[in-house]
């Protein structure tokens, strides 16, 4: 995925956000595979997160930021297969959109009451903050795609020029 091709950048972003917020942050791609994570989530990079609930899937499908204030009370968590063992209190996931399509999400999960209290007290700030960081990742993804397209065009032109020279020699 595009996010795995820019995994180093995504990892730097989640580490910075973790240091600022005091909450572990993750980036998950459209296939619901963790691309980057901070703290205890870093060890889970590369793991499939699809079985861990519906919130990330909902953000990917709708292309909208999803905020869950009280996980066990939220309708998105009602039929989650991990509900009984879940330690998530609150969470937020902002989609990373490339050409109007969600290629992943960036967000955090509060697992401690003091994290949840901070999150709920600054809900709007968290929402704007993650929307801005998803925009930064979107920009990086667009830059990477543009560089890949340019490289492809250069290779194609080199092949054409090589064939033209071959034709002249013949």
N, C-alpha and C. Protein backbone atom coordinates (compact mmCIF):
# COMPACT_ATOMS: atom_id res chain seq x y z
N UNK A 1 0.84 -1.19 0.00
CA UNK A 1 0.00 0.00 0.00
C UNK A 1 0.88 1.24 0.00
N UNK A 2 0.29 2.35 -0.34
CA UNK A 2 1.01 3.62 -0.37
C UNK A 2 1.56 3.94 1.02
N UNK A 3 0.81 3.62 2.06
CA UNK A 3 1.29 3.93 3.42
C UNK A 3 2.51 3.09 3.80
N UNK A 4 2.56 1.85 3.36
CA UNK A 4 3.75 1.04 3.65
C UNK A 4 4.97 1.56 2.90
N UNK A 5 4.75 2.18 1.74
CA UNK A 5 5.88 2.74 1.00
C UNK A 5 6.41 4.00 1.67
N UNK A 6 5.64 4.56 2.57
CA UNK A 6 6.09 5.73 3.32
C UNK A 6 6.06 5.45 4.83
N UNK A 7 6.32 4.20 5.18
CA UNK A 7 6.25 3.75 6.57
C UNK A 7 7.18 4.52 7.50
N UNK A 8 8.37 4.84 7.03
CA UNK A 8 9.32 5.56 7.87
C UNK A 8 8.76 6.92 8.30
N UNK A 9 8.16 7.63 7.36
CA UNK A 9 7.55 8.93 7.67
C UNK A 9 6.39 8.75 8.63
N UNK A 10 5.53 7.77 8.37
CA UNK A 10 4.38 7.52 9.25
C UNK A 10 4.85 7.18 10.66
N UNK A 11 5.92 6.40 10.77
CA UNK A 11 6.44 6.04 12.09
C UNK A 11 6.96 7.28 12.82
N UNK A 12 7.64 8.16 12.11
CA UNK A 12 8.12 9.40 12.73
C UNK A 12 6.94 10.24 13.24
N UNK A 13 5.88 10.34 12.45
CA UNK A 13 4.71 11.12 12.85
C UNK A 13 4.06 10.55 14.12
N UNK A 14 3.86 9.24 14.16
CA UNK A 14 3.18 8.67 15.33
C UNK A 14 4.04 8.80 16.59
N UNK A 15 5.35 8.72 16.44
CA UNK A 15 6.23 8.89 17.60
C UNK A 15 6.15 10.32 18.13
N UNK A 16 6.15 11.30 17.23
CA UNK A 16 6.04 12.70 17.62
C UNK A 16 4.70 12.95 18.31
N UNK A 17 3.64 12.43 17.72
CA UNK A 17 2.31 12.62 18.30
C UNK A 17 2.22 11.98 19.68
N UNK A 18 2.80 10.81 19.84
CA UNK A 18 2.82 10.12 21.14
C UNK A 18 3.52 10.98 22.19
N UNK A 19 4.62 11.59 21.81
CA UNK A 19 5.35 12.44 22.74
C UNK A 19 4.53 13.67 23.13
N UNK A 20 3.80 14.23 22.19
CA UNK A 20 2.99 15.42 22.47
C UNK A 20 1.76 15.08 23.29
N UNK A 21 1.05 14.02 22.90
CA UNK A 21 -0.24 13.70 23.50
C UNK A 21 -0.16 12.83 24.75
N UNK A 22 0.89 12.02 24.86
CA UNK A 22 0.96 11.08 25.96
C UNK A 22 0.03 9.89 25.76
N UNK A 23 -0.36 9.66 24.52
CA UNK A 23 -1.26 8.55 24.16
C UNK A 23 -0.66 7.87 22.94
N UNK A 24 -0.69 6.53 22.92
CA UNK A 24 -0.17 5.81 21.77
C UNK A 24 -0.98 6.13 20.52
N UNK A 25 -0.27 6.30 19.41
CA UNK A 25 -0.86 6.68 18.13
C UNK A 25 -0.51 5.61 17.11
N UNK A 26 -1.41 5.36 16.16
CA UNK A 26 -1.18 4.37 15.11
C UNK A 26 -1.62 4.88 13.76
N UNK A 27 -1.04 4.32 12.73
CA UNK A 27 -1.49 4.50 11.36
C UNK A 27 -1.82 3.11 10.83
N UNK A 28 -3.00 2.98 10.24
CA UNK A 28 -3.49 1.70 9.73
C UNK A 28 -3.91 1.90 8.29
N UNK A 29 -3.53 0.97 7.41
CA UNK A 29 -3.85 1.15 5.99
C UNK A 29 -5.26 0.67 5.66
N UNK A 30 -5.64 0.79 4.39
CA UNK A 30 -6.99 0.46 3.95
C UNK A 30 -7.32 -1.02 4.11
N UNK A 31 -6.29 -1.87 4.18
CA UNK A 31 -6.51 -3.30 4.41
C UNK A 31 -6.55 -3.62 5.90
N UNK A 32 -6.53 -2.58 6.72
CA UNK A 32 -6.56 -2.66 8.18
C UNK A 32 -5.33 -3.35 8.76
N UNK A 33 -4.19 -3.06 8.14
CA UNK A 33 -2.90 -3.55 8.64
C UNK A 33 -2.18 -2.36 9.26
N UNK A 34 -1.67 -2.55 10.48
CA UNK A 34 -0.98 -1.45 11.17
C UNK A 34 0.33 -1.16 10.45
N UNK A 35 0.48 0.07 9.99
CA UNK A 35 1.68 0.53 9.28
C UNK A 35 2.70 1.07 10.27
N UNK A 36 2.23 1.86 11.22
CA UNK A 36 3.11 2.49 12.20
C UNK A 36 2.37 2.60 13.53
N UNK A 37 3.11 2.44 14.60
CA UNK A 37 2.52 2.56 15.93
C UNK A 37 3.56 3.00 16.93
N UNK A 38 3.11 3.69 17.95
CA UNK A 38 4.02 4.13 19.01
C UNK A 38 3.77 3.30 20.26
N UNK A 39 4.74 3.34 21.16
CA UNK A 39 4.60 2.62 22.42
C UNK A 39 4.37 1.14 22.21
N UNK A 40 3.41 0.59 22.93
CA UNK A 40 3.15 -0.86 22.82
C UNK A 40 2.58 -1.25 21.46
N UNK A 41 2.06 -0.26 20.71
CA UNK A 41 1.52 -0.54 19.39
C UNK A 41 2.62 -0.76 18.35
N UNK A 42 3.82 -0.27 18.62
CA UNK A 42 4.91 -0.41 17.65
C UNK A 42 5.24 -1.88 17.39
N UNK A 43 5.15 -2.69 18.42
CA UNK A 43 5.43 -4.12 18.27
C UNK A 43 4.41 -4.81 17.38
N UNK A 44 3.28 -4.16 17.16
CA UNK A 44 2.21 -4.74 16.33
C UNK A 44 2.23 -4.23 14.90
N UNK A 45 3.27 -3.48 14.51
CA UNK A 45 3.37 -3.03 13.12
C UNK A 45 3.36 -4.24 12.21
N UNK A 46 2.58 -4.15 11.13
CA UNK A 46 2.47 -5.25 10.18
C UNK A 46 1.36 -6.23 10.51
N UNK A 47 0.72 -6.08 11.66
CA UNK A 47 -0.34 -7.02 12.03
C UNK A 47 -1.70 -6.53 11.52
N UNK A 48 -2.56 -7.49 11.21
CA UNK A 48 -3.89 -7.19 10.70
C UNK A 48 -4.79 -6.82 11.87
N UNK A 49 -5.44 -5.68 11.76
CA UNK A 49 -6.27 -5.15 12.84
C UNK A 49 -7.77 -5.35 12.58
N UNK A 50 -8.13 -6.00 11.50
CA UNK A 50 -9.54 -6.13 11.10
C UNK A 50 -10.39 -6.81 12.17
N UNK A 51 -9.81 -7.73 12.91
CA UNK A 51 -10.58 -8.47 13.91
C UNK A 51 -10.77 -7.68 15.20
N UNK A 52 -10.20 -6.51 15.29
CA UNK A 52 -10.24 -5.75 16.54
C UNK A 52 -11.36 -4.72 16.60
N UNK A 53 -12.29 -4.77 15.71
CA UNK A 53 -13.42 -3.86 15.84
C UNK A 53 -13.82 -3.17 14.56
N UNK A 54 -14.81 -2.32 14.72
CA UNK A 54 -15.47 -1.70 13.58
C UNK A 54 -15.14 -0.24 13.38
N UNK A 55 -14.48 0.38 14.32
CA UNK A 55 -14.30 1.83 14.28
C UNK A 55 -13.39 2.24 13.12
N UNK A 56 -12.24 1.59 12.99
CA UNK A 56 -11.33 1.89 11.89
C UNK A 56 -12.02 1.60 10.56
N UNK A 57 -12.70 0.49 10.47
CA UNK A 57 -13.41 0.13 9.24
C UNK A 57 -14.43 1.21 8.88
N UNK A 58 -15.13 1.72 9.86
CA UNK A 58 -16.13 2.77 9.62
C UNK A 58 -15.47 4.04 9.09
N UNK A 59 -14.35 4.44 9.67
CA UNK A 59 -13.63 5.64 9.20
C UNK A 59 -13.14 5.44 7.77
N UNK A 60 -12.67 4.23 7.44
CA UNK A 60 -12.21 3.94 6.09
C UNK A 60 -13.37 3.97 5.09
N UNK A 61 -14.49 3.39 5.46
CA UNK A 61 -15.63 3.31 4.55
C UNK A 61 -16.30 4.66 4.32
N UNK A 62 -16.40 5.48 5.37
CA UNK A 62 -17.10 6.76 5.25
C UNK A 62 -16.17 7.89 4.81
N UNK A 63 -14.86 7.73 5.03
CA UNK A 63 -13.93 8.81 4.74
C UNK A 63 -14.08 9.98 5.70
N UNK A 64 -14.69 9.73 6.84
CA UNK A 64 -14.93 10.75 7.86
C UNK A 64 -14.20 10.40 9.15
N UNK A 65 -13.79 11.43 9.89
CA UNK A 65 -13.18 11.21 11.20
C UNK A 65 -14.22 10.61 12.13
N UNK A 66 -13.80 9.57 12.87
CA UNK A 66 -14.69 8.91 13.82
C UNK A 66 -14.14 9.12 15.22
N UNK A 67 -15.00 9.65 16.09
CA UNK A 67 -14.64 9.87 17.49
C UNK A 67 -15.55 9.01 18.35
N UNK A 68 -14.95 8.20 19.20
CA UNK A 68 -15.70 7.37 20.13
C UNK A 68 -15.33 7.84 21.53
N UNK A 69 -16.29 8.41 22.23
CA UNK A 69 -16.02 8.96 23.57
C UNK A 69 -16.02 7.88 24.64
N UNK A 70 -16.95 6.94 24.55
CA UNK A 70 -17.06 5.85 25.53
C UNK A 70 -17.27 4.56 24.75
N UNK A 71 -16.18 3.84 24.57
CA UNK A 71 -16.18 2.70 23.65
C UNK A 71 -17.28 1.67 23.93
N UNK A 72 -17.44 1.25 25.15
CA UNK A 72 -18.41 0.19 25.43
C UNK A 72 -19.86 0.65 25.24
N UNK A 73 -20.09 1.96 25.17
CA UNK A 73 -21.44 2.48 24.99
C UNK A 73 -21.72 2.86 23.53
N UNK A 74 -20.69 2.88 22.69
CA UNK A 74 -20.86 3.35 21.32
C UNK A 74 -21.50 2.27 20.44
N UNK A 75 -22.46 2.67 19.59
CA UNK A 75 -23.10 1.70 18.69
C UNK A 75 -22.12 0.97 17.77
N UNK A 76 -21.03 1.63 17.38
CA UNK A 76 -20.04 0.97 16.52
C UNK A 76 -19.37 -0.21 17.22
N UNK A 77 -19.38 -0.18 18.54
CA UNK A 77 -18.72 -1.25 19.32
C UNK A 77 -19.69 -2.38 19.70
N UNK A 78 -20.96 -2.18 19.43
CA UNK A 78 -21.97 -3.12 19.90
C UNK A 78 -21.74 -4.56 19.44
N UNK A 79 -21.38 -4.76 18.18
CA UNK A 79 -21.21 -6.12 17.68
C UNK A 79 -19.74 -6.49 17.42
N UNK A 80 -18.85 -5.80 18.11
CA UNK A 80 -17.41 -6.06 17.95
C UNK A 80 -17.05 -7.42 18.53
N UNK A 81 -16.32 -8.22 17.77
CA UNK A 81 -15.92 -9.55 18.26
C UNK A 81 -14.93 -9.48 19.43
N UNK A 82 -14.28 -8.34 19.62
CA UNK A 82 -13.30 -8.19 20.71
C UNK A 82 -13.87 -7.42 21.90
N UNK A 83 -15.15 -7.19 21.91
CA UNK A 83 -15.78 -6.34 22.93
C UNK A 83 -15.51 -6.81 24.35
N UNK A 84 -15.58 -8.09 24.60
CA UNK A 84 -15.41 -8.61 25.96
C UNK A 84 -14.00 -8.40 26.52
N UNK A 85 -13.01 -8.40 25.64
CA UNK A 85 -11.62 -8.26 26.09
C UNK A 85 -11.03 -6.87 25.81
N UNK A 86 -11.85 -5.96 25.30
CA UNK A 86 -11.38 -4.65 24.87
C UNK A 86 -11.04 -3.77 26.07
N UNK A 87 -9.88 -3.09 25.97
CA UNK A 87 -9.50 -2.14 27.02
C UNK A 87 -9.52 -0.70 26.50
N UNK A 88 -10.13 -0.48 25.34
CA UNK A 88 -10.23 0.86 24.77
C UNK A 88 -11.33 1.64 25.50
N UNK A 89 -10.98 2.84 25.95
CA UNK A 89 -11.95 3.70 26.62
C UNK A 89 -12.53 4.71 25.64
N UNK A 90 -11.65 5.38 24.89
CA UNK A 90 -12.04 6.37 23.88
C UNK A 90 -11.05 6.25 22.73
N UNK A 91 -11.47 6.71 21.55
CA UNK A 91 -10.54 6.69 20.42
C UNK A 91 -11.00 7.64 19.33
N UNK A 92 -10.05 7.96 18.47
CA UNK A 92 -10.32 8.83 17.32
C UNK A 92 -9.51 8.30 16.14
N UNK A 93 -10.13 8.31 14.96
CA UNK A 93 -9.46 7.87 13.73
C UNK A 93 -9.82 8.84 12.61
N UNK A 94 -8.80 9.43 12.00
CA UNK A 94 -8.99 10.35 10.88
C UNK A 94 -8.52 9.67 9.60
N UNK A 95 -9.35 9.69 8.55
CA UNK A 95 -8.96 9.04 7.30
C UNK A 95 -7.85 9.80 6.58
N UNK A 96 -7.02 9.05 5.89
CA UNK A 96 -5.98 9.60 5.01
C UNK A 96 -6.50 9.37 3.60
N UNK A 97 -6.86 10.47 2.93
CA UNK A 97 -7.51 10.37 1.62
C UNK A 97 -6.53 10.71 0.51
N UNK A 98 -6.51 9.86 -0.51
CA UNK A 98 -5.74 10.13 -1.71
C UNK A 98 -6.70 9.97 -2.88
N UNK A 99 -6.87 11.05 -3.64
CA UNK A 99 -7.82 11.05 -4.76
C UNK A 99 -9.22 10.63 -4.30
N UNK A 100 -9.67 11.22 -3.19
CA UNK A 100 -11.00 11.00 -2.62
C UNK A 100 -11.23 9.58 -2.11
N UNK A 101 -10.17 8.80 -1.95
CA UNK A 101 -10.28 7.42 -1.48
C UNK A 101 -9.45 7.26 -0.22
N UNK A 102 -10.03 6.65 0.81
CA UNK A 102 -9.31 6.43 2.06
C UNK A 102 -8.27 5.32 1.86
N UNK A 103 -7.00 5.69 2.03
CA UNK A 103 -5.91 4.72 1.92
C UNK A 103 -5.45 4.26 3.30
N UNK A 104 -6.02 4.87 4.33
CA UNK A 104 -5.68 4.50 5.69
C UNK A 104 -6.25 5.49 6.67
N UNK A 105 -5.87 5.31 7.94
CA UNK A 105 -6.31 6.20 9.02
C UNK A 105 -5.15 6.45 9.96
N UNK A 106 -5.22 7.55 10.68
CA UNK A 106 -4.30 7.84 11.77
C UNK A 106 -5.16 8.19 12.97
N UNK A 107 -4.76 7.68 14.13
CA UNK A 107 -5.56 7.96 15.31
C UNK A 107 -4.92 7.43 16.57
N UNK A 108 -5.67 7.55 17.65
CA UNK A 108 -5.17 7.08 18.94
C UNK A 108 -6.30 6.42 19.72
N UNK A 109 -5.89 5.64 20.71
CA UNK A 109 -6.81 4.94 21.58
C UNK A 109 -6.42 5.24 23.02
N UNK A 110 -7.38 5.73 23.79
CA UNK A 110 -7.15 5.98 25.22
C UNK A 110 -7.44 4.69 25.98
N UNK A 111 -6.47 4.24 26.75
CA UNK A 111 -6.63 3.01 27.52
C UNK A 111 -6.57 3.26 29.03
N UNK A 112 -6.26 4.47 29.39
CA UNK A 112 -6.17 4.83 30.81
C UNK A 112 -7.17 5.95 31.09
N UNK A 113 -7.78 5.95 32.27
CA UNK A 113 -8.76 7.00 32.60
C UNK A 113 -8.21 8.42 32.46
N UNK A 114 -6.95 8.67 32.83
CA UNK A 114 -6.41 10.03 32.72
C UNK A 114 -6.26 10.43 31.26
N UNK A 115 -5.93 9.48 30.36
CA UNK A 115 -5.86 9.77 28.93
C UNK A 115 -7.26 10.11 28.41
N UNK A 116 -8.24 9.33 28.83
CA UNK A 116 -9.62 9.56 28.39
C UNK A 116 -10.11 10.92 28.88
N UNK A 117 -9.80 11.27 30.10
CA UNK A 117 -10.22 12.57 30.65
C UNK A 117 -9.62 13.72 29.84
N UNK A 118 -8.33 13.61 29.51
CA UNK A 118 -7.68 14.64 28.69
C UNK A 118 -8.32 14.70 27.31
N UNK A 119 -8.55 13.54 26.72
CA UNK A 119 -9.16 13.44 25.40
C UNK A 119 -10.55 14.07 25.38
N UNK A 120 -11.39 13.70 26.34
CA UNK A 120 -12.76 14.21 26.36
C UNK A 120 -12.79 15.71 26.64
N UNK A 121 -11.85 16.21 27.42
CA UNK A 121 -11.78 17.63 27.72
C UNK A 121 -11.34 18.47 26.53
N UNK A 122 -10.65 17.83 25.59
CA UNK A 122 -10.12 18.54 24.42
C UNK A 122 -10.54 17.85 23.12
N UNK A 123 -11.73 17.33 23.11
CA UNK A 123 -12.21 16.54 21.96
C UNK A 123 -12.07 17.28 20.64
N UNK A 124 -12.50 18.51 20.58
CA UNK A 124 -12.43 19.29 19.33
C UNK A 124 -10.98 19.52 18.91
N UNK A 125 -10.13 19.80 19.88
CA UNK A 125 -8.71 20.00 19.58
C UNK A 125 -8.09 18.72 19.03
N UNK A 126 -8.41 17.58 19.63
CA UNK A 126 -7.91 16.29 19.14
C UNK A 126 -8.39 16.06 17.71
N UNK A 127 -9.65 16.36 17.44
CA UNK A 127 -10.21 16.15 16.11
C UNK A 127 -9.47 16.99 15.08
N UNK A 128 -9.29 18.27 15.36
CA UNK A 128 -8.56 19.15 14.43
C UNK A 128 -7.11 18.69 14.29
N UNK A 129 -6.52 18.29 15.38
CA UNK A 129 -5.13 17.85 15.38
C UNK A 129 -4.93 16.64 14.47
N UNK A 130 -5.76 15.62 14.64
CA UNK A 130 -5.63 14.41 13.81
C UNK A 130 -6.04 14.67 12.36
N UNK A 131 -7.00 15.54 12.15
CA UNK A 131 -7.34 15.90 10.77
C UNK A 131 -6.16 16.57 10.08
N UNK A 132 -5.43 17.42 10.80
CA UNK A 132 -4.24 18.07 10.24
C UNK A 132 -3.14 17.06 9.94
N UNK A 133 -2.91 16.13 10.86
CA UNK A 133 -1.86 15.14 10.62
C UNK A 133 -2.25 14.17 9.51
N UNK A 134 -3.52 13.86 9.37
CA UNK A 134 -3.92 13.01 8.24
C UNK A 134 -3.67 13.78 6.94
N UNK A 135 -3.88 15.09 6.97
CA UNK A 135 -3.58 15.92 5.81
C UNK A 135 -2.10 15.93 5.46
N UNK A 136 -1.25 15.94 6.47
CA UNK A 136 0.19 15.85 6.20
C UNK A 136 0.55 14.52 5.54
N UNK A 137 -0.03 13.44 6.02
CA UNK A 137 0.24 12.13 5.41
C UNK A 137 -0.34 12.07 3.99
N UNK A 138 -1.49 12.69 3.77
CA UNK A 138 -2.07 12.76 2.42
C UNK A 138 -1.10 13.48 1.48
N UNK A 139 -0.56 14.58 1.95
CA UNK A 139 0.39 15.35 1.14
C UNK A 139 1.62 14.53 0.81
N UNK A 140 2.15 13.83 1.80
CA UNK A 140 3.32 12.97 1.57
C UNK A 140 2.99 11.87 0.57
N UNK A 141 1.80 11.31 0.67
CA UNK A 141 1.38 10.25 -0.26
C UNK A 141 1.29 10.80 -1.68
N UNK A 142 0.72 11.98 -1.84
CA UNK A 142 0.63 12.60 -3.17
C UNK A 142 2.03 12.86 -3.73
N UNK A 143 2.95 13.34 -2.89
CA UNK A 143 4.32 13.58 -3.34
C UNK A 143 4.98 12.28 -3.80
N UNK A 144 4.79 11.22 -3.03
CA UNK A 144 5.37 9.92 -3.39
C UNK A 144 4.79 9.41 -4.70
N UNK A 145 3.48 9.52 -4.87
CA UNK A 145 2.85 9.07 -6.12
C UNK A 145 3.33 9.88 -7.31
N UNK A 146 3.48 11.19 -7.13
CA UNK A 146 3.98 12.04 -8.21
C UNK A 146 5.41 11.66 -8.58
N UNK A 147 6.24 11.39 -7.59
CA UNK A 147 7.62 10.98 -7.86
C UNK A 147 7.66 9.64 -8.59
N UNK A 148 6.79 8.71 -8.20
CA UNK A 148 6.74 7.41 -8.87
C UNK A 148 6.27 7.56 -10.33
N UNK A 149 5.29 8.45 -10.56
CA UNK A 149 4.82 8.69 -11.93
C UNK A 149 5.93 9.30 -12.78
N UNK A 150 6.65 10.26 -12.23
CA UNK A 150 7.76 10.89 -12.95
C UNK A 150 8.82 9.87 -13.30
N UNK A 151 9.13 9.00 -12.36
CA UNK A 151 10.13 7.97 -12.60
C UNK A 151 9.66 7.02 -13.72
N UNK A 152 8.39 6.69 -13.71
CA UNK A 152 7.84 5.80 -14.74
C UNK A 152 7.92 6.47 -16.12
N UNK A 153 7.58 7.76 -16.20
CA UNK A 153 7.65 8.50 -17.46
C UNK A 153 9.09 8.54 -17.96
N UNK A 154 10.05 8.79 -17.06
CA UNK A 154 11.46 8.83 -17.47
C UNK A 154 11.92 7.48 -18.02
N UNK A 155 11.53 6.40 -17.36
CA UNK A 155 11.90 5.06 -17.85
C UNK A 155 11.29 4.80 -19.22
N UNK A 156 10.03 5.20 -19.40
CA UNK A 156 9.36 5.01 -20.69
C UNK A 156 10.06 5.80 -21.79
N UNK A 157 10.42 7.03 -21.50
CA UNK A 157 11.12 7.86 -22.49
C UNK A 157 12.49 7.27 -22.83
N UNK A 158 13.18 6.75 -21.83
CA UNK A 158 14.48 6.13 -22.08
C UNK A 158 14.33 4.91 -23.00
N UNK A 159 13.28 4.12 -22.78
CA UNK A 159 13.03 2.97 -23.63
C UNK A 159 12.73 3.41 -25.06
N UNK A 160 11.92 4.44 -25.21
CA UNK A 160 11.57 4.94 -26.55
C UNK A 160 12.82 5.46 -27.25
N UNK A 161 13.62 6.24 -26.55
CA UNK A 161 14.85 6.77 -27.14
C UNK A 161 15.81 5.65 -27.53
N UNK A 162 15.86 4.63 -26.71
CA UNK A 162 16.72 3.48 -27.04
C UNK A 162 16.26 2.78 -28.31
N UNK A 163 14.97 2.69 -28.51
CA UNK A 163 14.43 2.05 -29.70
C UNK A 163 14.63 2.93 -30.93
N UNK A 164 14.53 4.25 -30.77
CA UNK A 164 14.75 5.17 -31.88
C UNK A 164 16.20 5.05 -32.36
N UNK A 165 17.12 5.03 -31.42
CA UNK A 165 18.54 4.88 -31.77
C UNK A 165 18.80 3.54 -32.46
N UNK A 166 18.14 2.50 -32.00
CA UNK A 166 18.29 1.19 -32.61
C UNK A 166 17.79 1.23 -34.06
N UNK A 167 16.66 1.92 -34.28
CA UNK A 167 16.10 2.05 -35.63
C UNK A 167 17.03 2.83 -36.54
N UNK A 168 17.69 3.86 -36.03
CA UNK A 168 18.62 4.65 -36.83
C UNK A 168 19.82 3.79 -37.22
N UNK A 169 20.30 2.99 -36.29
CA UNK A 169 21.44 2.12 -36.59
C UNK A 169 21.08 1.08 -37.66
N UNK A 170 19.88 0.55 -37.59
CA UNK A 170 19.46 -0.46 -38.58
C UNK A 170 19.34 0.20 -39.92
